Amino acid sequence: MIKTCAVLGAGVMGNGIAHSLAVGGFRVHLIDASPDAVAAGLAKIDENLATGISRGKTTEADARAIRARITTSSALHDAAPAELVIEAVPEVMELKHAVMREIEAACAPDAIFATNTSALSVTEIAAALADPSRVIGMHYFNPAHIMKLVEIVRGLETSDRAYEVAVEVAAACGKETVLMNEAPGFATSRINALIGNEAFYMLMEGVASARDIDKALKLGLNHPMGPFELVDLVGLDTRLRILEYLHGALGDRFRPCPLLVKYVKAGRLGRKVGRGVYDYP
């Protein structure tokens, strides 16, 4: 069993993944090129630990132990000691390729590399490496330290060892896993993208208000969050990139709603900037 992990990207997903790994007992290097992002990510982990204590989900002693297992850096080469590296950088293929090449040069030959992509091709991400068999998809859900599911996605050349490591690590952190053979959007992103995009079309057409659409899906379909609440949490720019990729891969049913495009152009990206479909003071 591996003992040391690295998480690349300290944003919403990255800090949650690092938190989850530390809960599972792993030593974790949380790495982001932006020192401000590192500080913000660490502050979010501290906030979430404090919330866990206040709600009786963890003890102060356990929270201190979890926090002590997390170190931070702004240099990718500091991922060198990691046996498993999980990248959680933005959904831009060129960026993911650049990150993969750098960690391949820094890490041991037997290190496993996972991508937290929610829609992009694991096979294409892995193609940046001399040995693509080391790459697997580990798709976490927001908030990653709470949500129970990790989608494990095998690329064309993913090795059995990479799959076994991903499943073992997820299980050690208390997660359930499902195995996906690579397809655009996997299972969850593909369905969520359709629901969220249709909700924007309904809003654009004046079918109902955003709050009533959210309320209808929560109370009528038993969804824990409405589609607009969810997209504000995920980020409208992230959802748009996913839809653009799925539109190219799967056709017109994933064509991004013009209203979603307009919101992104206006800078209404969701909770992370204080304004998306809803406002967050």
C-alpha atoms as a PDB file:
ATOM      1  CA  MET A   1       0.000   0.000   0.000  1.00  0.00           C
ATOM      2  CA  ILE A   2       1.302   3.418  -0.863  1.00  0.00           C
ATOM      3  CA  LYS A   3       1.912   6.015   1.858  1.00  0.00           C
ATOM      4  CA  THR A   4       2.623   9.319   0.097  1.00  0.00           C
ATOM      5  CA  CYS A   5       0.457  11.224  -2.383  1.00  0.00           C
ATOM      6  CA  ALA A   6       0.595  14.568  -4.140  1.00  0.00           C
ATOM      7  CA  VAL A   7      -2.309  16.677  -5.356  1.00  0.00           C
ATOM      8  CA  LEU A   8      -1.670  19.191  -8.133  1.00  0.00           C
ATOM      9  CA  GLY A   9      -4.000  22.179  -7.931  1.00  0.00           C
ATOM     10  CA  ALA A  10      -5.232  23.669  -4.658  1.00  0.00           C
ATOM     11  CA  GLY A  11      -8.594  24.890  -5.908  1.00  0.00           C
ATOM     12  CA  VAL A  12     -12.068  23.663  -5.009  1.00  0.00           C
ATOM     13  CA  MET A  13     -11.396  20.058  -6.040  1.00  0.00           C
ATOM     14  CA  GLY A  14      -7.698  19.881  -5.186  1.00  0.00           C
ATOM     15  CA  ASN A  15      -7.957  20.954  -1.565  1.00  0.00           C
ATOM     16  CA  GLY A  16     -10.922  18.608  -1.046  1.00  0.00           C
ATOM     17  CA  ILE A  17      -8.991  15.679  -2.511  1.00  0.00           C
ATOM     18  CA  ALA A  18      -5.971  16.491  -0.332  1.00  0.00           C
ATOM     19  CA  HIS A  19      -8.250  16.631   2.722  1.00  0.00           C
ATOM     20  CA  SER A  20      -9.786  13.250   1.811  1.00  0.00           C
ATOM     21  CA  LEU A  21      -6.367  11.626   1.361  1.00  0.00           C
ATOM     22  CA  ALA A  22      -5.157  12.954   4.703  1.00  0.00           C
ATOM     23  CA  VAL A  23      -8.285  11.533   6.381  1.00  0.00           C
ATOM     24  CA  GLY A  24      -7.318   8.194   4.828  1.00  0.00           C
ATOM     25  CA  GLY A  25      -3.949   8.340   6.580  1.00  0.00           C
ATOM     26  CA  PHE A  26      -1.774   9.328   3.616  1.00  0.00           C
ATOM     27  CA  ARG A  27       0.957  11.936   3.669  1.00  0.00           C
ATOM     28  CA  VAL A  28      -0.125  14.561   1.152  1.00  0.00           C
ATOM     29  CA  HIS A  29       1.791  17.246  -0.744  1.00  0.00           C
ATOM     30  CA  LEU A  30      -0.695  19.913  -1.924  1.00  0.00           C
ATOM     31  CA  ILE A  31       0.950  21.755  -4.811  1.00  0.00           C
ATOM     32  CA  ASP A  32      -0.148  24.790  -6.818  1.00  0.00           C
ATOM     33  CA  ALA A  33       1.907  27.192  -8.934  1.00  0.00           C
ATOM     34  CA  SER A  34       0.108  30.091  -7.228  1.00  0.00           C
ATOM     35  CA  PRO A  35       1.152  30.702  -3.596  1.00  0.00           C
ATOM     36  CA  ASP A  36      -2.154  32.523  -3.073  1.00  0.00           C
ATOM     37  CA  ALA A  37      -4.052  29.441  -4.265  1.00  0.00           C
ATOM     38  CA  VAL A  38      -2.029  27.254  -1.890  1.00  0.00           C
ATOM     39  CA  ALA A  39      -2.848  29.549   1.029  1.00  0.00           C
ATOM     40  CA  ALA A  40      -6.532  29.664   0.099  1.00  0.00           C
ATOM     41  CA  GLY A  41      -6.678  25.883  -0.317  1.00  0.00           C
ATOM     42  CA  LEU A  42      -5.083  25.299   3.062  1.00  0.00           C
ATOM     43  CA  ALA A  43      -7.445  27.818   4.670  1.00  0.00           C
ATOM     44  CA  LYS A  44     -10.398  25.913   3.194  1.00  0.00           C
ATOM     45  CA  ILE A  45      -9.108  22.646   4.625  1.00  0.00           C
ATOM     46  CA  ASP A  46      -8.758  24.301   8.051  1.00  0.00           C
ATOM     47  CA  GLU A  47     -12.294  25.670   7.733  1.00  0.00           C
ATOM     48  CA  ASN A  48     -13.685  22.255   6.806  1.00  0.00           C
ATOM     49  CA  LEU A  49     -11.865  20.588   9.697  1.00  0.00           C
ATOM     50  CA  ALA A  50     -13.275  23.178  12.104  1.00  0.00           C
ATOM     51  CA  THR A  51     -16.760  22.520  10.708  1.00  0.00           C
ATOM     52  CA  GLY A  52     -16.245  18.796  11.221  1.00  0.00           C
ATOM     53  CA  ILE A  53     -15.297  19.368  14.859  1.00  0.00           C
ATOM     54  CA  SER A  54     -18.297  21.639  15.481  1.00  0.00           C
ATOM     55  CA  ARG A  55     -20.668  19.046  13.988  1.00  0.00           C
ATOM     56  CA  GLY A  56     -19.168  16.172  15.929  1.00  0.00           C
ATOM     57  CA  LYS A  57     -17.861  14.453  12.789  1.00  0.00           C
ATOM     58  CA  THR A  58     -14.267  14.460  14.032  1.00  0.00           C
ATOM     59  CA  THR A  59     -12.336  15.204  17.202  1.00  0.00           C
ATOM     60  CA  GLU A  60      -9.839  18.003  17.714  1.00  0.00           C
ATOM     61  CA  ALA A  61      -7.045  15.432  18.046  1.00  0.00           C
ATOM     62  CA  ASP A  62      -7.991  13.703  14.793  1.00  0.00           C
ATOM     63  CA  ALA A  63      -8.286  17.052  13.018  1.00  0.00           C
ATOM     64  CA  ARG A  64      -4.777  18.016  14.160  1.00  0.00           C
ATOM     65  CA  ALA A  65      -3.440  14.672  12.905  1.00  0.00           C
ATOM     66  CA  ILE A  66      -5.173  15.101   9.533  1.00  0.00           C
ATOM     67  CA  ARG A  67      -3.809  18.631   9.165  1.00  0.00           C
ATOM     68  CA  ALA A  68      -0.296  17.507  10.129  1.00  0.00           C
ATOM     69  CA  ARG A  69      -0.235  15.044   7.229  1.00  0.00           C
ATOM     70  CA  ILE A  70      -0.645  17.865   4.666  1.00  0.00           C
ATOM     71  CA  THR A  71       2.311  19.882   3.397  1.00  0.00           C
ATOM     72  CA  THR A  72       2.241  22.519   0.674  1.00  0.00           C
ATOM     73  CA  SER A  73       4.429  23.779  -2.151  1.00  0.00           C
ATOM     74  CA  SER A  74       4.361  25.945  -5.278  1.00  0.00           C
ATOM     75  CA  ALA A  75       6.829  23.788  -7.216  1.00  0.00           C
ATOM     76  CA  LEU A  76       5.707  20.733  -9.206  1.00  0.00           C
ATOM     77  CA  HIS A  77       9.038  18.966  -8.677  1.00  0.00           C
ATOM     78  CA  ASP A  78       8.130  18.711  -4.987  1.00  0.00           C
ATOM     79  CA  ALA A  79       5.774  15.913  -6.059  1.00  0.00           C
ATOM     80  CA  ALA A  80       8.897  13.740  -6.505  1.00  0.00           C
ATOM     81  CA  PRO A  81       8.426  11.587  -3.350  1.00  0.00           C
ATOM     82  CA  ALA A  82       4.789  10.782  -4.161  1.00  0.00           C
ATOM     83  CA  GLU A  83       3.773   7.247  -5.087  1.00  0.00           C
ATOM     84  CA  LEU A  84       0.416   8.515  -6.365  1.00  0.00           C
ATOM     85  CA  VAL A  85      -0.022  11.940  -7.962  1.00  0.00           C
ATOM     86  CA  ILE A  86      -3.555  13.249  -8.591  1.00  0.00           C
ATOM     87  CA  GLU A  87      -3.844  16.253 -10.885  1.00  0.00           C
ATOM     88  CA  ALA A  88      -6.780  18.599 -10.355  1.00  0.00           C
ATOM     89  CA  VAL A  89      -5.783  21.431 -12.694  1.00  0.00           C
ATOM     90  CA  PRO A  90      -8.283  23.205 -15.013  1.00  0.00           C
ATOM     91  CA  GLU A  91      -9.946  21.213 -17.808  1.00  0.00           C
ATOM     92  CA  VAL A  92      -7.536  22.300 -20.542  1.00  0.00           C
ATOM     93  CA  MET A  93      -5.821  19.438 -22.376  1.00  0.00           C
ATOM     94  CA  GLU A  94      -2.623  21.370 -23.111  1.00  0.00           C
ATOM     95  CA  LEU A  95      -2.248  22.241 -19.420  1.00  0.00           C
ATOM     96  CA  LYS A  96      -2.843  18.664 -18.343  1.00  0.00           C
ATOM     97  CA  HIS A  97      -0.241  17.458 -20.855  1.00  0.00           C
ATOM     98  CA  ALA A  98       2.315  19.956 -19.560  1.00  0.00           C
ATOM     99  CA  VAL A  99       1.668  18.910 -15.955  1.00  0.00           C
ATOM    100  CA  MET A 100       1.905  15.201 -16.800  1.00  0.00           C
ATOM    101  CA  ARG A 101       5.239  15.637 -18.554  1.00  0.00           C
ATOM    102  CA  GLU A 102       6.678  17.563 -15.618  1.00  0.00           C
ATOM    103  CA  ILE A 103       5.632  15.058 -12.984  1.00  0.00           C
ATOM    104  CA  GLU A 104       6.849  12.164 -15.138  1.00  0.00           C
ATOM    105  CA  ALA A 105      10.276  13.789 -15.136  1.00  0.00           C
ATOM    106  CA  ALA A 106      10.156  14.408 -11.366  1.00  0.00           C
ATOM    107  CA  CYS A 107       8.685  11.194  -9.962  1.00  0.00           C
ATOM    108  CA  ALA A 108       9.895   7.625  -9.599  1.00  0.00           C
ATOM    109  CA  PRO A 109       9.359   5.276 -12.570  1.00  0.00           C
ATOM    110  CA  ASP A 110       6.745   3.275 -10.668  1.00  0.00           C
ATOM    111  CA  ALA A 111       4.656   6.252  -9.497  1.00  0.00           C
ATOM    112  CA  ILE A 112       0.997   6.227 -10.586  1.00  0.00           C
ATOM    113  CA  PHE A 113      -0.594   9.341 -12.050  1.00  0.00           C
ATOM    114  CA  ALA A 114      -4.322  10.006 -11.730  1.00  0.00           C
ATOM    115  CA  THR A 115      -6.376  12.716 -13.368  1.00  0.00           C
ATOM    116  CA  ASN A 116      -9.449  14.197 -11.720  1.00  0.00           C
ATOM    117  CA  THR A 117     -10.877  15.248 -15.083  1.00  0.00           C
ATOM    118  CA  SER A 118     -14.667  15.158 -15.136  1.00  0.00           C
ATOM    119  CA  ALA A 119     -15.007  14.675 -18.904  1.00  0.00           C
ATOM    120  CA  LEU A 120     -11.761  14.748 -20.884  1.00  0.00           C
ATOM    121  CA  SER A 121     -10.194  11.645 -22.403  1.00  0.00           C
ATOM    122  CA  VAL A 122      -7.948   9.771 -19.960  1.00  0.00           C
ATOM    123  CA  THR A 123      -6.298   8.113 -22.972  1.00  0.00           C
ATOM    124  CA  GLU A 124      -5.470  11.493 -24.509  1.00  0.00           C
ATOM    125  CA  ILE A 125      -4.153  12.855 -21.206  1.00  0.00           C
ATOM    126  CA  ALA A 126      -1.977   9.755 -20.813  1.00  0.00           C
ATOM    127  CA  ALA A 127      -0.570  10.151 -24.330  1.00  0.00           C
ATOM    128  CA  ALA A 128       1.715  12.905 -23.017  1.00  0.00           C
ATOM    129  CA  LEU A 129       3.762  10.294 -21.132  1.00  0.00           C
ATOM    130  CA  ALA A 130       6.402   7.867 -22.326  1.00  0.00           C
ATOM    131  CA  ASP A 131       4.506   5.191 -20.351  1.00  0.00           C
ATOM    132  CA  PRO A 132       0.753   5.896 -20.563  1.00  0.00           C
ATOM    133  CA  SER A 133      -0.053   2.729 -18.606  1.00  0.00           C
ATOM    134  CA  ARG A 134       0.681   4.700 -15.411  1.00  0.00           C
ATOM    135  CA  VAL A 135      -2.342   7.000 -15.890  1.00  0.00           C
ATOM    136  CA  ILE A 136      -5.877   6.438 -14.599  1.00  0.00           C
ATOM    137  CA  GLY A 137      -8.906   8.631 -14.006  1.00  0.00           C
ATOM    138  CA  MET A 138     -10.014   9.289 -10.410  1.00  0.00           C
ATOM    139  CA  HIS A 139     -13.047  11.529 -10.709  1.00  0.00           C
ATOM    140  CA  TYR A 140     -13.952  12.959  -7.300  1.00  0.00           C
ATOM    141  CA  PHE A 141     -17.122  14.915  -6.522  1.00  0.00           C
ATOM    142  CA  ASN A 142     -17.501  18.247  -4.801  1.00  0.00           C
ATOM    143  CA  PRO A 143     -17.040  18.501  -1.820  1.00  0.00           C
ATOM    144  CA  ALA A 144     -14.424  15.796  -2.241  1.00  0.00           C
ATOM    145  CA  HIS A 145     -13.799  15.262   1.490  1.00  0.00           C
ATOM    146  CA  ILE A 146     -17.496  14.422   1.997  1.00  0.00           C
ATOM    147  CA  MET A 147     -18.875  12.882  -1.201  1.00  0.00           C
ATOM    148  CA  LYS A 148     -18.619   9.104  -1.159  1.00  0.00           C
ATOM    149  CA  LEU A 149     -18.128   8.303  -4.849  1.00  0.00           C
ATOM    150  CA  VAL A 150     -14.949   8.198  -6.937  1.00  0.00           C
ATOM    151  CA  GLU A 151     -15.388   7.250 -10.591  1.00  0.00           C
ATOM    152  CA  ILE A 152     -12.400   5.133 -11.636  1.00  0.00           C
ATOM    153  CA  VAL A 153     -11.812   5.528 -15.366  1.00  0.00           C
ATOM    154  CA  ARG A 154      -9.507   3.247 -17.337  1.00  0.00           C
ATOM    155  CA  GLY A 155      -7.866   4.658 -20.439  1.00  0.00           C
ATOM    156  CA  LEU A 156      -6.871   2.543 -23.409  1.00  0.00           C
ATOM    157  CA  GLU A 157      -3.506   1.578 -21.900  1.00  0.00           C
ATOM    158  CA  THR A 158      -4.158   1.906 -18.157  1.00  0.00           C
ATOM    159  CA  SER A 159      -2.400  -0.905 -16.291  1.00  0.00           C
ATOM    160  CA  ASP A 160      -3.990  -3.263 -13.784  1.00  0.00           C
ATOM    161  CA  ARG A 161      -1.597  -1.899 -11.156  1.00  0.00           C
ATOM    162  CA  ALA A 162      -2.795   1.686 -11.727  1.00  0.00           C
ATOM    163  CA  TYR A 163      -6.379   0.493 -11.328  1.00  0.00           C
ATOM    164  CA  GLU A 164      -5.584  -1.450  -8.151  1.00  0.00           C
ATOM    165  CA  VAL A 165      -3.761   1.513  -6.587  1.00  0.00           C
ATOM    166  CA  ALA A 166      -6.642   3.886  -7.377  1.00  0.00           C
ATOM    167  CA  VAL A 167      -9.238   1.552  -5.853  1.00  0.00           C
ATOM    168  CA  GLU A 168      -7.123   0.839  -2.749  1.00  0.00           C
ATOM    169  CA  VAL A 169      -6.489   4.527  -2.093  1.00  0.00           C
ATOM    170  CA  ALA A 170     -10.147   5.446  -2.554  1.00  0.00           C
ATOM    171  CA  ALA A 171     -11.238   2.640  -0.227  1.00  0.00           C
ATOM    172  CA  ALA A 172      -8.709   3.678   2.440  1.00  0.00           C
ATOM    173  CA  CYS A 173     -10.332   7.130   2.389  1.00  0.00           C
ATOM    174  CA  GLY A 174     -13.805   5.663   2.895  1.00  0.00           C
ATOM    175  CA  LYS A 175     -14.923   6.087  -0.704  1.00  0.00           C
ATOM    176  CA  GLU A 176     -17.043   3.849  -2.908  1.00  0.00           C
ATOM    177  CA  THR A 177     -15.849   3.323  -6.483  1.00  0.00           C
ATOM    178  CA  VAL A 178     -17.408   2.528  -9.842  1.00  0.00           C
ATOM    179  CA  LEU A 179     -15.353   1.412 -12.827  1.00  0.00           C
ATOM    180  CA  MET A 180     -15.828   3.184 -16.149  1.00  0.00           C
ATOM    181  CA  ASN A 181     -14.242   2.202 -19.414  1.00  0.00           C
ATOM    182  CA  GLU A 182     -13.399   5.516 -21.000  1.00  0.00           C
ATOM    183  CA  ALA A 183     -16.227   7.307 -22.808  1.00  0.00           C
ATOM    184  CA  PRO A 184     -16.846  11.053 -23.151  1.00  0.00           C
ATOM    185  CA  GLY A 185     -18.179  12.420 -19.871  1.00  0.00           C
ATOM    186  CA  PHE A 186     -18.030   8.983 -18.172  1.00  0.00           C
ATOM    187  CA  ALA A 187     -21.391   8.448 -16.408  1.00  0.00           C
ATOM    188  CA  THR A 188     -21.998  11.296 -13.985  1.00  0.00           C
ATOM    189  CA  SER A 189     -20.664  14.243 -16.000  1.00  0.00           C
ATOM    190  CA  ARG A 190     -22.531  13.133 -19.096  1.00  0.00           C
ATOM    191  CA  ILE A 191     -25.885  13.002 -17.307  1.00  0.00           C
ATOM    192  CA  ASN A 192     -25.258  16.108 -15.179  1.00  0.00           C
ATOM    193  CA  ALA A 193     -24.249  18.121 -18.244  1.00  0.00           C
ATOM    194  CA  LEU A 194     -27.525  17.238 -19.963  1.00  0.00           C
ATOM    195  CA  ILE A 195     -29.651  18.115 -16.925  1.00  0.00           C
ATOM    196  CA  GLY A 196     -27.819  21.368 -16.244  1.00  0.00           C
ATOM    197  CA  ASN A 197     -27.869  22.458 -19.877  1.00  0.00           C
ATOM    198  CA  GLU A 198     -31.605  21.745 -20.185  1.00  0.00           C
ATOM    199  CA  ALA A 199     -32.203  23.753 -17.005  1.00  0.00           C
ATOM    200  CA  PHE A 200     -30.498  26.758 -18.635  1.00  0.00           C
ATOM    201  CA  TYR A 201     -32.686  26.347 -21.727  1.00  0.00           C
ATOM    202  CA  MET A 202     -35.772  26.300 -19.465  1.00  0.00           C
ATOM    203  CA  LEU A 203     -34.578  29.457 -17.713  1.00  0.00           C
ATOM    204  CA  MET A 204     -33.853  31.166 -21.042  1.00  0.00           C
ATOM    205  CA  GLU A 205     -37.314  30.231 -22.350  1.00  0.00           C
ATOM    206  CA  GLY A 206     -39.055  31.581 -19.244  1.00  0.00           C
ATOM    207  CA  VAL A 207     -40.460  28.197 -18.209  1.00  0.00           C
ATOM    208  CA  ALA A 208     -39.795  28.982 -14.541  1.00  0.00           C
ATOM    209  CA  SER A 209     -37.401  30.882 -12.284  1.00  0.00           C
ATOM    210  CA  ALA A 210     -34.044  29.389 -11.350  1.00  0.00           C
ATOM    211  CA  ARG A 211     -35.206  28.914  -7.766  1.00  0.00           C
ATOM    212  CA  ASP A 212     -38.380  27.113  -8.806  1.00  0.00           C
ATOM    213  CA  ILE A 213     -36.504  24.833 -11.219  1.00  0.00           C
ATOM    214  CA  ASP A 214     -34.067  23.974  -8.431  1.00  0.00           C
ATOM    215  CA  LYS A 215     -36.931  23.411  -5.990  1.00  0.00           C
ATOM    216  CA  ALA A 216     -38.785  21.186  -8.463  1.00  0.00           C
ATOM    217  CA  LEU A 217     -35.813  18.863  -8.971  1.00  0.00           C
ATOM    218  CA  LYS A 218     -35.005  18.689  -5.272  1.00  0.00           C
ATOM    219  CA  LEU A 219     -38.538  17.976  -4.069  1.00  0.00           C
ATOM    220  CA  GLY A 220     -39.933  16.215  -7.132  1.00  0.00           C
ATOM    221  CA  LEU A 221     -36.929  14.104  -8.186  1.00  0.00           C
ATOM    222  CA  ASN A 222     -35.179  13.918  -4.791  1.00  0.00           C
ATOM    223  CA  HIS A 223     -31.988  15.567  -6.043  1.00  0.00           C
ATOM    224  CA  PRO A 224     -29.887  16.850  -3.111  1.00  0.00           C
ATOM    225  CA  MET A 225     -29.122  20.058  -5.042  1.00  0.00           C
ATOM    226  CA  GLY A 226     -30.887  21.815  -7.877  1.00  0.00           C
ATOM    227  CA  PRO A 227     -29.086  22.135 -11.242  1.00  0.00           C
ATOM    228  CA  PHE A 228     -28.366  25.836 -10.741  1.00  0.00           C
ATOM    229  CA  GLU A 229     -27.114  25.360  -7.187  1.00  0.00           C
ATOM    230  CA  LEU A 230     -24.849  22.617  -8.503  1.00  0.00           C
ATOM    231  CA  VAL A 231     -23.470  24.597 -11.444  1.00  0.00           C
ATOM    232  CA  ASP A 232     -22.714  27.539  -9.138  1.00  0.00           C
ATOM    233  CA  LEU A 233     -20.757  25.151  -6.920  1.00  0.00           C
ATOM    234  CA  VAL A 234     -18.900  23.460  -9.788  1.00  0.00           C
ATOM    235  CA  GLY A 235     -18.274  26.687 -11.726  1.00  0.00           C
ATOM    236  CA  LEU A 236     -20.099  27.837 -14.845  1.00  0.00           C
ATOM    237  CA  ASP A 237     -16.842  28.048 -16.798  1.00  0.00           C
ATOM    238  CA  THR A 238     -16.013  24.440 -15.885  1.00  0.00           C
ATOM    239  CA  ARG A 239     -19.489  23.276 -16.935  1.00  0.00           C
ATOM    240  CA  LEU A 240     -19.193  25.176 -20.222  1.00  0.00           C
ATOM    241  CA  ARG A 241     -15.833  23.564 -21.045  1.00  0.00           C
ATOM    242  CA  ILE A 242     -17.339  20.136 -20.350  1.00  0.00           C
ATOM    243  CA  LEU A 243     -20.325  20.831 -22.591  1.00  0.00           C
ATOM    244  CA  GLU A 244     -18.095  22.109 -25.379  1.00  0.00           C
ATOM    245  CA  TYR A 245     -16.050  18.914 -25.206  1.00  0.00           C
ATOM    246  CA  LEU A 246     -19.145  16.691 -25.119  1.00  0.00           C
ATOM    247  CA  HIS A 247     -20.742  18.673 -27.953  1.00  0.00           C
ATOM    248  CA  GLY A 248     -17.702  17.964 -30.115  1.00  0.00           C
ATOM    249  CA  ALA A 249     -17.560  14.310 -29.103  1.00  0.00           C
ATOM    250  CA  LEU A 250     -21.236  13.347 -28.928  1.00  0.00           C
ATOM    251  CA  GLY A 251     -23.167  15.850 -31.017  1.00  0.00           C
ATOM    252  CA  ASP A 252     -25.883  18.459 -30.839  1.00  0.00           C
ATOM    253  CA  ARG A 253     -27.715  17.259 -27.746  1.00  0.00           C
ATOM    254  CA  PHE A 254     -24.801  18.711 -25.755  1.00  0.00           C
ATOM    255  CA  ARG A 255     -24.710  22.100 -27.553  1.00  0.00           C
ATOM    256  CA  PRO A 256     -24.184  24.669 -24.753  1.00  0.00           C
ATOM    257  CA  CYS A 257     -27.216  26.818 -24.030  1.00  0.00           C
ATOM    258  CA  PRO A 258     -26.618  30.432 -25.185  1.00  0.00           C
ATOM    259  CA  LEU A 259     -27.644  31.713 -21.738  1.00  0.00           C
ATOM    260  CA  LEU A 260     -24.887  29.670 -20.066  1.00  0.00           C
ATOM    261  CA  VAL A 261     -22.382  31.067 -22.575  1.00  0.00           C
ATOM    262  CA  LYS A 262     -23.633  34.602 -21.827  1.00  0.00           C
ATOM    263  CA  TYR A 263     -23.250  34.117 -18.067  1.00  0.00           C
ATOM    264  CA  VAL A 264     -19.665  32.950 -18.487  1.00  0.00           C
ATOM    265  CA  LYS A 265     -18.831  35.885 -20.757  1.00  0.00           C
ATOM    266  CA  ALA A 266     -20.251  38.191 -18.087  1.00  0.00           C
ATOM    267  CA  GLY A 267     -17.912  36.678 -15.496  1.00  0.00           C
ATOM    268  CA  ARG A 268     -20.737  35.044 -13.560  1.00  0.00           C
ATOM    269  CA  LEU A 269     -18.766  31.881 -12.785  1.00  0.00           C
ATOM    270  CA  GLY A 270     -20.437  30.765  -9.563  1.00  0.00           C
ATOM    271  CA  ARG A 271     -19.619  30.690  -5.876  1.00  0.00           C
ATOM    272  CA  LYS A 272     -15.881  31.073  -6.442  1.00  0.00           C
ATOM    273  CA  VAL A 273     -16.379  34.665  -7.639  1.00  0.00           C
ATOM    274  CA  GLY A 274     -19.472  35.497  -5.562  1.00  0.00           C
ATOM    275  CA  ARG A 275     -21.921  35.484  -8.474  1.00  0.00           C
ATOM    276  CA  GLY A 276     -23.294  32.873 -10.831  1.00  0.00           C
ATOM    277  CA  VAL A 277     -26.939  32.042 -11.367  1.00  0.00           C
ATOM    278  CA  TYR A 278     -27.339  33.293  -7.803  1.00  0.00           C
ATOM    279  CA  ASP A 279     -25.484  35.993  -5.862  1.00  0.00           C
ATOM    280  CA  TYR A 280     -23.266  35.079  -2.889  1.00  0.00           C
ATOM    281  CA  PRO A 281     -22.594  38.078  -0.621  1.00  0.00           C
END
